[in-house]
Amino acid sequence: MSKPARTLTFKCKSCAKPVTVYLQKVSACSHIQPYQGICTCGEVLRHATGSKDAVESFLASPDGAWSHHHH
């Protein structure tokens, strides 16, 4: 299994400048690789790769204080 990229670059939704997002520390869970970065205009950009449900719940969390729990 290949390791996820440590950084990704996206266009900011507010000012259209490129923003580099960095791979966050990931728990033992392999369902998701969350990324976060902040544009020079102050816009926080979040992205994630992995399980569709886990990614959707991560991106839907308003403050980034998201955690993935197995039930």
Protein backbone atom coordinates (compact mmCIF):
# COMPACT_ATOMS: atom_id res chain seq x y z
CA MET A 1 0.00 0.00 0.00
CA SER A 2 1.44 3.37 -0.96
CA LYS A 3 1.78 6.17 1.56
CA PRO A 4 -0.40 9.26 1.07
CA ALA A 5 1.27 12.41 -0.20
CA ARG A 6 2.44 14.70 2.63
CA THR A 7 1.25 17.83 0.86
CA LEU A 8 -1.38 18.65 -1.77
CA THR A 9 -2.10 21.94 -3.50
CA PHE A 10 -5.55 23.35 -4.13
CA LYS A 11 -7.02 26.62 -5.32
CA CYS A 12 -8.49 28.77 -2.54
CA LYS A 13 -12.27 29.14 -2.80
CA SER A 14 -12.05 32.78 -1.69
CA CYS A 15 -9.17 34.28 -3.64
CA ALA A 16 -8.20 31.53 -6.15
CA LYS A 17 -4.54 31.49 -5.02
CA PRO A 18 -2.86 28.10 -4.68
CA VAL A 19 -2.87 26.75 -1.12
CA THR A 20 -0.69 23.91 0.13
CA VAL A 21 -2.46 21.61 2.57
CA TYR A 22 -0.44 19.32 4.79
CA LEU A 23 -1.19 15.77 5.87
CA GLN A 24 -2.37 15.87 9.47
CA LYS A 25 -1.27 13.35 12.07
CA VAL A 26 -3.43 10.33 11.37
CA SER A 27 -4.70 7.94 14.00
CA ALA A 28 -4.21 4.20 13.62
CA CYS A 29 -7.29 4.28 11.42
CA SER A 30 -6.46 3.90 7.74
CA HIS A 31 -9.91 4.95 6.51
CA ILE A 32 -8.95 8.58 6.03
CA GLN A 33 -5.97 10.87 5.49
CA PRO A 34 -6.98 14.38 6.53
CA TYR A 35 -5.19 17.45 5.16
CA GLN A 36 -5.37 21.06 6.30
CA GLY A 37 -3.80 24.35 5.29
CA ILE A 38 -4.42 28.08 5.50
CA CYS A 39 -4.35 30.44 2.54
CA THR A 40 -2.57 33.80 2.70
CA CYS A 41 -6.05 35.38 2.67
CA GLY A 42 -6.90 33.55 5.92
CA GLU A 43 -9.22 30.94 4.42
CA VAL A 44 -8.77 27.50 6.01
CA LEU A 45 -8.73 24.75 3.46
CA ARG A 46 -9.44 21.17 4.40
CA HIS A 47 -9.28 18.07 2.27
CA ALA A 48 -9.23 14.35 2.92
CA THR A 49 -8.73 11.14 1.02
CA GLY A 50 -9.96 7.71 1.98
CA SER A 51 -13.31 6.16 2.89
CA LYS A 52 -16.16 8.18 1.36
CA ASP A 53 -18.22 8.28 4.58
CA ALA A 54 -15.25 9.22 6.75
CA VAL A 55 -14.19 11.95 4.31
CA GLU A 56 -17.71 13.40 4.19
CA SER A 57 -18.01 13.54 7.97
CA PHE A 58 -14.55 15.14 8.25
CA LEU A 59 -15.33 17.82 5.68
CA ALA A 60 -18.76 18.45 7.27
CA SER A 61 -17.25 19.16 10.70
CA PRO A 62 -17.31 22.94 11.14
CA ASP A 63 -14.10 23.44 13.14
CA GLY A 64 -11.78 20.61 12.17
CA ALA A 65 -12.13 19.03 15.61
CA TRP A 66 -13.16 15.84 13.89
CA SER A 67 -12.24 12.36 14.98
CA HIS A 68 -13.06 9.03 13.48
CA HIS A 69 -14.48 6.36 15.75
CA HIS A 70 -15.25 2.75 15.03
CA HIS A 71 -18.53 1.48 16.43
